[in-house]
Amino acid sequence: MEEKTIKHYSCKHKILLVGEGDFSFSLCLAKAFGSASNMVATSLDSKGELIMNYYSRDLDNLLELEKLGCTILHNVDAHTMNKHPSLGDQLFDRIVFNFPHAGFLYREHDSVQIELHRQVVRGFMKSSREMVSEGGEIHVTHKTSHSFCAWKIEEIAVEVGLCLTKEVPFYKWDYQGYSNKKGSGSNCNDTFPVGQCSTFIFIKHHPSSCLLQEKTENYCLQTQDLVSS
């Protein structure tokens, strides 16, 4: 089979997409590959809730994905997906969660809201660690401006036994047809400006490959040099 790629993803990867909004990101990958037989796309919402939240476009995206061979699962919680009956015994080369969010309960910069967001990311990472194949990657696309940088997702990764190997700027125009959604509240079907954001690429902890550890070690060495001088 001829390898077809789009950015970090290949038709030869077994890909799990988590927390899909209107499934337009999944469909973008599937169209680039010409098939979605290597993909499992999931949503936290039920199918009925998706159609109610995103109107007919979501149903169109689902139908097109199904025609391309995608496995679609609803009511999948990112925290417990490793125990899901259709997912628990599978391993994936790429596990992807774009713009994780806990919902609009408080103002974005409130410490309580930030901690809720961190809990979402932590649960996803713990579950993903059990589902990523040897040499596979876990991708989180996330805003890097204030107050989103306060989530400190690199530190969460270290807590659960993952390490950051790469941070790549994310540009929505690289994914034709992708429409990011708020996904919560009365305006859940609205898009939002992604602004400054990156795709953070994590693997199971291997100290020699850990970018955060490398940054920390370099900082410690620089500090020691300053003290000794």
C-alpha atoms as a PDB file:
ATOM      1  CA  MET A   1       0.000   0.000   0.000  1.00  0.00           C
ATOM      2  CA  GLU A   2       1.309   3.426  -0.930  1.00  0.00           C
ATOM      3  CA  GLU A   3       1.970   5.529   2.148  1.00  0.00           C
ATOM      4  CA  LYS A   4      -0.110   8.703   2.318  1.00  0.00           C
ATOM      5  CA  THR A   5       0.583  11.291   4.985  1.00  0.00           C
ATOM      6  CA  ILE A   6      -0.676  14.554   6.398  1.00  0.00           C
ATOM      7  CA  LYS A   7       1.623  16.346   8.849  1.00  0.00           C
ATOM      8  CA  HIS A   8       2.397  13.879  11.701  1.00  0.00           C
ATOM      9  CA  TYR A   9      -0.015  11.186  10.520  1.00  0.00           C
ATOM     10  CA  SER A  10       0.230   8.318   8.043  1.00  0.00           C
ATOM     11  CA  CYS A  11      -2.227   5.842   6.593  1.00  0.00           C
ATOM     12  CA  LYS A  12       0.113   3.179   8.021  1.00  0.00           C
ATOM     13  CA  HIS A  13      -0.454   4.410  11.588  1.00  0.00           C
ATOM     14  CA  LYS A  14      -3.229   2.961  13.688  1.00  0.00           C
ATOM     15  CA  ILE A  15      -4.814   6.169  14.961  1.00  0.00           C
ATOM     16  CA  LEU A  16      -7.189   6.867  17.852  1.00  0.00           C
ATOM     17  CA  LEU A  17      -8.870  10.282  17.896  1.00  0.00           C
ATOM     18  CA  VAL A  18     -10.333  11.377  21.222  1.00  0.00           C
ATOM     19  CA  GLY A  19     -12.899  14.054  22.056  1.00  0.00           C
ATOM     20  CA  GLU A  20     -13.881  14.759  18.474  1.00  0.00           C
ATOM     21  CA  GLY A  21     -16.337  17.653  18.066  1.00  0.00           C
ATOM     22  CA  ASP A  22     -18.049  17.481  14.684  1.00  0.00           C
ATOM     23  CA  PHE A  23     -15.554  14.809  13.507  1.00  0.00           C
ATOM     24  CA  SER A  24     -14.118  17.171  10.909  1.00  0.00           C
ATOM     25  CA  PHE A  25     -10.525  16.517  12.019  1.00  0.00           C
ATOM     26  CA  SER A  26     -11.020  12.758  11.618  1.00  0.00           C
ATOM     27  CA  LEU A  27     -12.561  13.319   8.208  1.00  0.00           C
ATOM     28  CA  CYS A  28      -9.646  15.532   7.169  1.00  0.00           C
ATOM     29  CA  LEU A  29      -7.192  12.713   7.909  1.00  0.00           C
ATOM     30  CA  ALA A  30      -9.405  10.120   6.233  1.00  0.00           C
ATOM     31  CA  LYS A  31      -9.629  12.168   3.032  1.00  0.00           C
ATOM     32  CA  ALA A  32      -5.861  12.663   3.004  1.00  0.00           C
ATOM     33  CA  PHE A  33      -5.367   8.897   3.309  1.00  0.00           C
ATOM     34  CA  GLY A  34      -8.190   7.957   0.948  1.00  0.00           C
ATOM     35  CA  SER A  35      -9.390   5.561   3.653  1.00  0.00           C
ATOM     36  CA  ALA A  36     -10.176   5.537   7.361  1.00  0.00           C
ATOM     37  CA  SER A  37      -9.734   1.818   7.929  1.00  0.00           C
ATOM     38  CA  ASN A  38      -6.758   2.572  10.197  1.00  0.00           C
ATOM     39  CA  MET A  39      -8.727   5.011  12.367  1.00  0.00           C
ATOM     40  CA  VAL A  40     -10.953   4.935  15.444  1.00  0.00           C
ATOM     41  CA  ALA A  41     -12.723   8.256  16.116  1.00  0.00           C
ATOM     42  CA  THR A  42     -14.516   8.858  19.416  1.00  0.00           C
ATOM     43  CA  SER A  43     -16.696  11.437  21.114  1.00  0.00           C
ATOM     44  CA  LEU A  44     -17.735  11.944  24.722  1.00  0.00           C
ATOM     45  CA  ASP A  45     -21.266  12.782  23.581  1.00  0.00           C
ATOM     46  CA  SER A  46     -23.836  10.296  22.368  1.00  0.00           C
ATOM     47  CA  LYS A  47     -24.700  10.277  18.678  1.00  0.00           C
ATOM     48  CA  GLY A  48     -27.973  12.031  19.457  1.00  0.00           C
ATOM     49  CA  GLU A  49     -26.221  14.759  21.428  1.00  0.00           C
ATOM     50  CA  LEU A  50     -23.741  15.275  18.594  1.00  0.00           C
ATOM     51  CA  ILE A  51     -26.460  15.766  16.001  1.00  0.00           C
ATOM     52  CA  MET A  52     -28.309  18.144  18.329  1.00  0.00           C
ATOM     53  CA  ASN A  53     -25.134  20.142  19.083  1.00  0.00           C
ATOM     54  CA  TYR A  54     -23.585  20.271  15.613  1.00  0.00           C
ATOM     55  CA  TYR A  55     -26.671  19.914  13.385  1.00  0.00           C
ATOM     56  CA  SER A  56     -26.626  18.108  10.068  1.00  0.00           C
ATOM     57  CA  ARG A  57     -22.932  18.669   9.328  1.00  0.00           C
ATOM     58  CA  ASP A  58     -21.954  16.222  12.055  1.00  0.00           C
ATOM     59  CA  LEU A  59     -24.200  13.533  10.611  1.00  0.00           C
ATOM     60  CA  ASP A  60     -22.734  14.150   7.150  1.00  0.00           C
ATOM     61  CA  ASN A  61     -19.210  13.803   8.552  1.00  0.00           C
ATOM     62  CA  LEU A  62     -20.129  10.583  10.348  1.00  0.00           C
ATOM     63  CA  LEU A  63     -21.692   9.071   7.243  1.00  0.00           C
ATOM     64  CA  GLU A  64     -18.656   9.966   5.135  1.00  0.00           C
ATOM     65  CA  LEU A  65     -16.273   8.539   7.723  1.00  0.00           C
ATOM     66  CA  GLU A  66     -18.254   5.315   7.877  1.00  0.00           C
ATOM     67  CA  LYS A  67     -18.094   4.994   4.080  1.00  0.00           C
ATOM     68  CA  LEU A  68     -14.302   5.379   4.316  1.00  0.00           C
ATOM     69  CA  GLY A  69     -14.118   2.561   6.857  1.00  0.00           C
ATOM     70  CA  CYS A  70     -13.676   4.495  10.104  1.00  0.00           C
ATOM     71  CA  THR A  71     -14.693   2.913  13.411  1.00  0.00           C
ATOM     72  CA  ILE A  72     -16.816   5.488  15.272  1.00  0.00           C
ATOM     73  CA  LEU A  73     -17.557   5.231  18.986  1.00  0.00           C
ATOM     74  CA  HIS A  74     -19.696   7.513  21.154  1.00  0.00           C
ATOM     75  CA  ASN A  75     -19.931   7.985  24.931  1.00  0.00           C
ATOM     76  CA  VAL A  76     -16.180   7.435  25.267  1.00  0.00           C
ATOM     77  CA  ASP A  77     -14.635   9.083  28.332  1.00  0.00           C
ATOM     78  CA  ALA A  78     -10.960   9.949  27.807  1.00  0.00           C
ATOM     79  CA  HIS A  79     -10.269   9.015  31.445  1.00  0.00           C
ATOM     80  CA  THR A  80     -11.524   5.444  31.152  1.00  0.00           C
ATOM     81  CA  MET A  81     -11.159   4.644  27.454  1.00  0.00           C
ATOM     82  CA  ASN A  82      -8.479   2.027  28.178  1.00  0.00           C
ATOM     83  CA  LYS A  83     -11.262   0.005  29.838  1.00  0.00           C
ATOM     84  CA  HIS A  84     -13.802   0.536  27.040  1.00  0.00           C
ATOM     85  CA  PRO A  85     -14.969  -2.851  25.680  1.00  0.00           C
ATOM     86  CA  SER A  86     -14.161  -1.846  22.096  1.00  0.00           C
ATOM     87  CA  LEU A  87     -10.839  -0.183  22.901  1.00  0.00           C
ATOM     88  CA  GLY A  88      -9.291  -1.782  25.957  1.00  0.00           C
ATOM     89  CA  ASP A  89      -7.453  -4.554  24.115  1.00  0.00           C
ATOM     90  CA  GLN A  90      -6.114  -2.341  21.304  1.00  0.00           C
ATOM     91  CA  LEU A  91      -2.805  -0.518  20.905  1.00  0.00           C
ATOM     92  CA  PHE A  92      -2.412   2.584  18.745  1.00  0.00           C
ATOM     93  CA  ASP A  93       0.518   4.251  16.992  1.00  0.00           C
ATOM     94  CA  ARG A  94      -0.997   7.704  17.403  1.00  0.00           C
ATOM     95  CA  ILE A  95      -3.489   8.848  20.052  1.00  0.00           C
ATOM     96  CA  VAL A  96      -4.751  12.375  19.395  1.00  0.00           C
ATOM     97  CA  PHE A  97      -6.689  14.847  21.556  1.00  0.00           C
ATOM     98  CA  ASN A  98      -7.137  18.307  20.043  1.00  0.00           C
ATOM     99  CA  PHE A  99      -7.881  21.187  22.408  1.00  0.00           C
ATOM    100  CA  PRO A 100      -8.937  19.251  25.525  1.00  0.00           C
ATOM    101  CA  HIS A 101     -11.304  21.288  27.685  1.00  0.00           C
ATOM    102  CA  ALA A 102     -13.289  20.724  30.872  1.00  0.00           C
ATOM    103  CA  GLY A 103     -16.213  22.929  29.846  1.00  0.00           C
ATOM    104  CA  PHE A 104     -17.081  26.524  30.679  1.00  0.00           C
ATOM    105  CA  LEU A 105     -17.677  26.416  34.428  1.00  0.00           C
ATOM    106  CA  TYR A 106     -15.514  29.324  35.565  1.00  0.00           C
ATOM    107  CA  ARG A 107     -13.455  32.006  33.848  1.00  0.00           C
ATOM    108  CA  GLU A 108     -10.517  30.542  31.928  1.00  0.00           C
ATOM    109  CA  HIS A 109      -7.894  32.189  34.119  1.00  0.00           C
ATOM    110  CA  ASP A 110      -9.473  31.057  37.421  1.00  0.00           C
ATOM    111  CA  SER A 111      -7.301  28.551  39.256  1.00  0.00           C
ATOM    112  CA  VAL A 112     -10.285  26.225  39.799  1.00  0.00           C
ATOM    113  CA  GLN A 113     -11.039  26.148  36.061  1.00  0.00           C
ATOM    114  CA  ILE A 114      -7.365  25.541  35.228  1.00  0.00           C
ATOM    115  CA  GLU A 115      -7.250  22.617  37.654  1.00  0.00           C
ATOM    116  CA  LEU A 116     -10.374  21.121  36.035  1.00  0.00           C
ATOM    117  CA  HIS A 117      -8.638  21.335  32.661  1.00  0.00           C
ATOM    118  CA  ARG A 118      -5.533  19.691  34.130  1.00  0.00           C
ATOM    119  CA  GLN A 119      -7.669  16.824  35.432  1.00  0.00           C
ATOM    120  CA  VAL A 120      -9.010  16.217  31.920  1.00  0.00           C
ATOM    121  CA  VAL A 121      -5.490  16.109  30.491  1.00  0.00           C
ATOM    122  CA  ARG A 122      -4.178  13.937  33.324  1.00  0.00           C
ATOM    123  CA  GLY A 123      -6.944  11.362  32.906  1.00  0.00           C
ATOM    124  CA  PHE A 124      -6.432  11.272  29.151  1.00  0.00           C
ATOM    125  CA  MET A 125      -2.682  10.768  29.510  1.00  0.00           C
ATOM    126  CA  LYS A 126      -3.038   8.010  32.101  1.00  0.00           C
ATOM    127  CA  SER A 127      -5.477   6.136  29.907  1.00  0.00           C
ATOM    128  CA  SER A 128      -3.481   6.738  26.719  1.00  0.00           C
ATOM    129  CA  ARG A 129      -0.288   5.415  28.303  1.00  0.00           C
ATOM    130  CA  GLU A 130      -1.961   2.008  28.535  1.00  0.00           C
ATOM    131  CA  MET A 131      -3.053   2.129  24.889  1.00  0.00           C
ATOM    132  CA  VAL A 132      -0.053   3.471  22.971  1.00  0.00           C
ATOM    133  CA  SER A 133       2.068   0.971  21.077  1.00  0.00           C
ATOM    134  CA  GLU A 134       5.811   0.591  21.546  1.00  0.00           C
ATOM    135  CA  GLY A 135       7.314   3.543  19.734  1.00  0.00           C
ATOM    136  CA  GLY A 136       3.887   5.172  19.418  1.00  0.00           C
ATOM    137  CA  GLU A 137       3.019   8.779  20.228  1.00  0.00           C
ATOM    138  CA  ILE A 138       0.383  10.662  22.203  1.00  0.00           C
ATOM    139  CA  HIS A 139      -0.521  14.051  20.721  1.00  0.00           C
ATOM    140  CA  VAL A 140      -2.183  16.956  22.539  1.00  0.00           C
ATOM    141  CA  THR A 141      -2.896  20.115  20.559  1.00  0.00           C
ATOM    142  CA  HIS A 142      -3.153  22.985  23.013  1.00  0.00           C
ATOM    143  CA  LYS A 143      -3.033  26.770  23.165  1.00  0.00           C
ATOM    144  CA  THR A 144       0.228  28.141  24.561  1.00  0.00           C
ATOM    145  CA  SER A 145      -0.827  31.705  25.397  1.00  0.00           C
ATOM    146  CA  HIS A 146      -1.982  32.899  28.827  1.00  0.00           C
ATOM    147  CA  SER A 147      -3.836  31.362  30.687  1.00  0.00           C
ATOM    148  CA  PHE A 148      -3.526  28.079  28.801  1.00  0.00           C
ATOM    149  CA  CYS A 149       0.188  27.831  29.460  1.00  0.00           C
ATOM    150  CA  ALA A 150      -0.705  27.572  33.161  1.00  0.00           C
ATOM    151  CA  TRP A 151      -2.057  24.072  32.547  1.00  0.00           C
ATOM    152  CA  LYS A 152       1.586  22.879  32.414  1.00  0.00           C
ATOM    153  CA  ILE A 153       0.744  19.765  30.442  1.00  0.00           C
ATOM    154  CA  GLU A 154       4.420  18.789  30.174  1.00  0.00           C
ATOM    155  CA  GLU A 155       4.548  18.420  33.960  1.00  0.00           C
ATOM    156  CA  ILE A 156       1.346  16.361  33.969  1.00  0.00           C
ATOM    157  CA  ALA A 157       2.950  14.040  31.431  1.00  0.00           C
ATOM    158  CA  VAL A 158       5.954  13.446  33.681  1.00  0.00           C
ATOM    159  CA  GLU A 159       3.578  12.632  36.578  1.00  0.00           C
ATOM    160  CA  VAL A 160       1.969   9.787  34.611  1.00  0.00           C
ATOM    161  CA  GLY A 161       5.130   8.369  33.038  1.00  0.00           C
ATOM    162  CA  LEU A 162       5.188  10.176  29.705  1.00  0.00           C
ATOM    163  CA  CYS A 163       7.756  12.590  28.348  1.00  0.00           C
ATOM    164  CA  LEU A 164       7.651  15.350  25.785  1.00  0.00           C
ATOM    165  CA  THR A 165       9.771  14.652  22.728  1.00  0.00           C
ATOM    166  CA  LYS A 166       8.647  17.472  20.459  1.00  0.00           C
ATOM    167  CA  GLU A 167       6.513  20.609  20.384  1.00  0.00           C
ATOM    168  CA  VAL A 168       5.358  21.611  16.905  1.00  0.00           C
ATOM    169  CA  PRO A 169       3.431  24.805  16.019  1.00  0.00           C
ATOM    170  CA  PHE A 170      -0.157  24.002  15.028  1.00  0.00           C
ATOM    171  CA  TYR A 171      -1.763  25.744  12.060  1.00  0.00           C
ATOM    172  CA  LYS A 172      -5.389  24.972  11.292  1.00  0.00           C
ATOM    173  CA  TRP A 173      -4.896  25.564   7.568  1.00  0.00           C
ATOM    174  CA  ASP A 174      -2.692  22.449   7.450  1.00  0.00           C
ATOM    175  CA  TYR A 175      -5.869  20.404   7.982  1.00  0.00           C
ATOM    176  CA  GLN A 176      -8.294  21.279   5.208  1.00  0.00           C
ATOM    177  CA  GLY A 177     -11.906  21.070   6.331  1.00  0.00           C
ATOM    178  CA  TYR A 178     -11.124  20.970  10.047  1.00  0.00           C
ATOM    179  CA  SER A 179     -13.473  23.133  12.112  1.00  0.00           C
ATOM    180  CA  ASN A 180     -12.529  23.322  15.783  1.00  0.00           C
ATOM    181  CA  LYS A 181     -15.550  23.611  18.070  1.00  0.00           C
ATOM    182  CA  LYS A 182     -16.137  24.957  21.558  1.00  0.00           C
ATOM    183  CA  GLY A 183     -17.938  21.699  22.308  1.00  0.00           C
ATOM    184  CA  SER A 184     -19.599  22.894  25.509  1.00  0.00           C
ATOM    185  CA  GLY A 185     -22.332  25.275  26.578  1.00  0.00           C
ATOM    186  CA  SER A 186     -25.023  27.002  24.534  1.00  0.00           C
ATOM    187  CA  ASN A 187     -22.507  27.970  21.834  1.00  0.00           C
ATOM    188  CA  CYS A 188     -20.912  24.540  21.530  1.00  0.00           C
ATOM    189  CA  ASN A 189     -21.167  24.618  17.720  1.00  0.00           C
ATOM    190  CA  ASP A 190     -19.186  27.847  17.490  1.00  0.00           C
ATOM    191  CA  THR A 191     -15.555  27.782  16.452  1.00  0.00           C
ATOM    192  CA  PHE A 192     -12.871  29.684  18.351  1.00  0.00           C
ATOM    193  CA  PRO A 193      -9.591  31.347  17.375  1.00  0.00           C
ATOM    194  CA  VAL A 194      -6.778  28.892  18.005  1.00  0.00           C
ATOM    195  CA  GLY A 195      -4.230  31.689  18.229  1.00  0.00           C
ATOM    196  CA  GLN A 196      -0.792  30.618  19.388  1.00  0.00           C
ATOM    197  CA  CYS A 197      -0.853  26.863  19.872  1.00  0.00           C
ATOM    198  CA  SER A 198       1.216  23.723  19.431  1.00  0.00           C
ATOM    199  CA  THR A 199       0.909  20.003  19.040  1.00  0.00           C
ATOM    200  CA  PHE A 200       2.755  18.448  21.979  1.00  0.00           C
ATOM    201  CA  ILE A 201       4.113  14.989  21.183  1.00  0.00           C
ATOM    202  CA  PHE A 202       4.619  12.569  24.077  1.00  0.00           C
ATOM    203  CA  ILE A 203       5.953   9.028  24.375  1.00  0.00           C
ATOM    204  CA  LYS A 204       6.265   6.581  27.232  1.00  0.00           C
ATOM    205  CA  HIS A 205       9.047   7.744  29.490  1.00  0.00           C
ATOM    206  CA  HIS A 206      12.505   7.205  28.021  1.00  0.00           C
ATOM    207  CA  PRO A 207      14.947   9.574  29.774  1.00  0.00           C
ATOM    208  CA  SER A 208      17.230   9.933  26.770  1.00  0.00           C
ATOM    209  CA  SER A 209      14.322  11.192  24.627  1.00  0.00           C
ATOM    210  CA  CYS A 210      12.617  13.432  27.155  1.00  0.00           C
ATOM    211  CA  LEU A 211      12.687  17.076  26.054  1.00  0.00           C
ATOM    212  CA  LEU A 212      11.449  18.404  29.391  1.00  0.00           C
ATOM    213  CA  GLN A 213      14.127  16.477  31.274  1.00  0.00           C
ATOM    214  CA  GLU A 214      16.765  17.748  28.842  1.00  0.00           C
ATOM    215  CA  LYS A 215      15.632  21.342  29.443  1.00  0.00           C
ATOM    216  CA  THR A 216      15.697  20.758  33.211  1.00  0.00           C
ATOM    217  CA  GLU A 217      19.175  19.226  33.127  1.00  0.00           C
ATOM    218  CA  ASN A 218      20.511  22.096  31.005  1.00  0.00           C
ATOM    219  CA  TYR A 219      19.020  24.607  33.426  1.00  0.00           C
ATOM    220  CA  CYS A 220      20.619  22.814  36.399  1.00  0.00           C
ATOM    221  CA  LEU A 221      24.009  22.768  34.666  1.00  0.00           C
ATOM    222  CA  GLN A 222      23.752  26.474  33.882  1.00  0.00           C
ATOM    223  CA  THR A 223      22.808  27.196  37.507  1.00  0.00           C
ATOM    224  CA  GLN A 224      25.768  25.187  38.797  1.00  0.00           C
ATOM    225  CA  ASP A 225      28.102  27.088  36.468  1.00  0.00           C
ATOM    226  CA  LEU A 226      26.799  30.413  37.773  1.00  0.00           C
ATOM    227  CA  VAL A 227      27.235  29.318  41.380  1.00  0.00           C
ATOM    228  CA  SER A 228      30.771  27.981  40.839  1.00  0.00           C
ATOM    229  CA  SER A 229      31.830  31.131  38.991  1.00  0.00           C
END
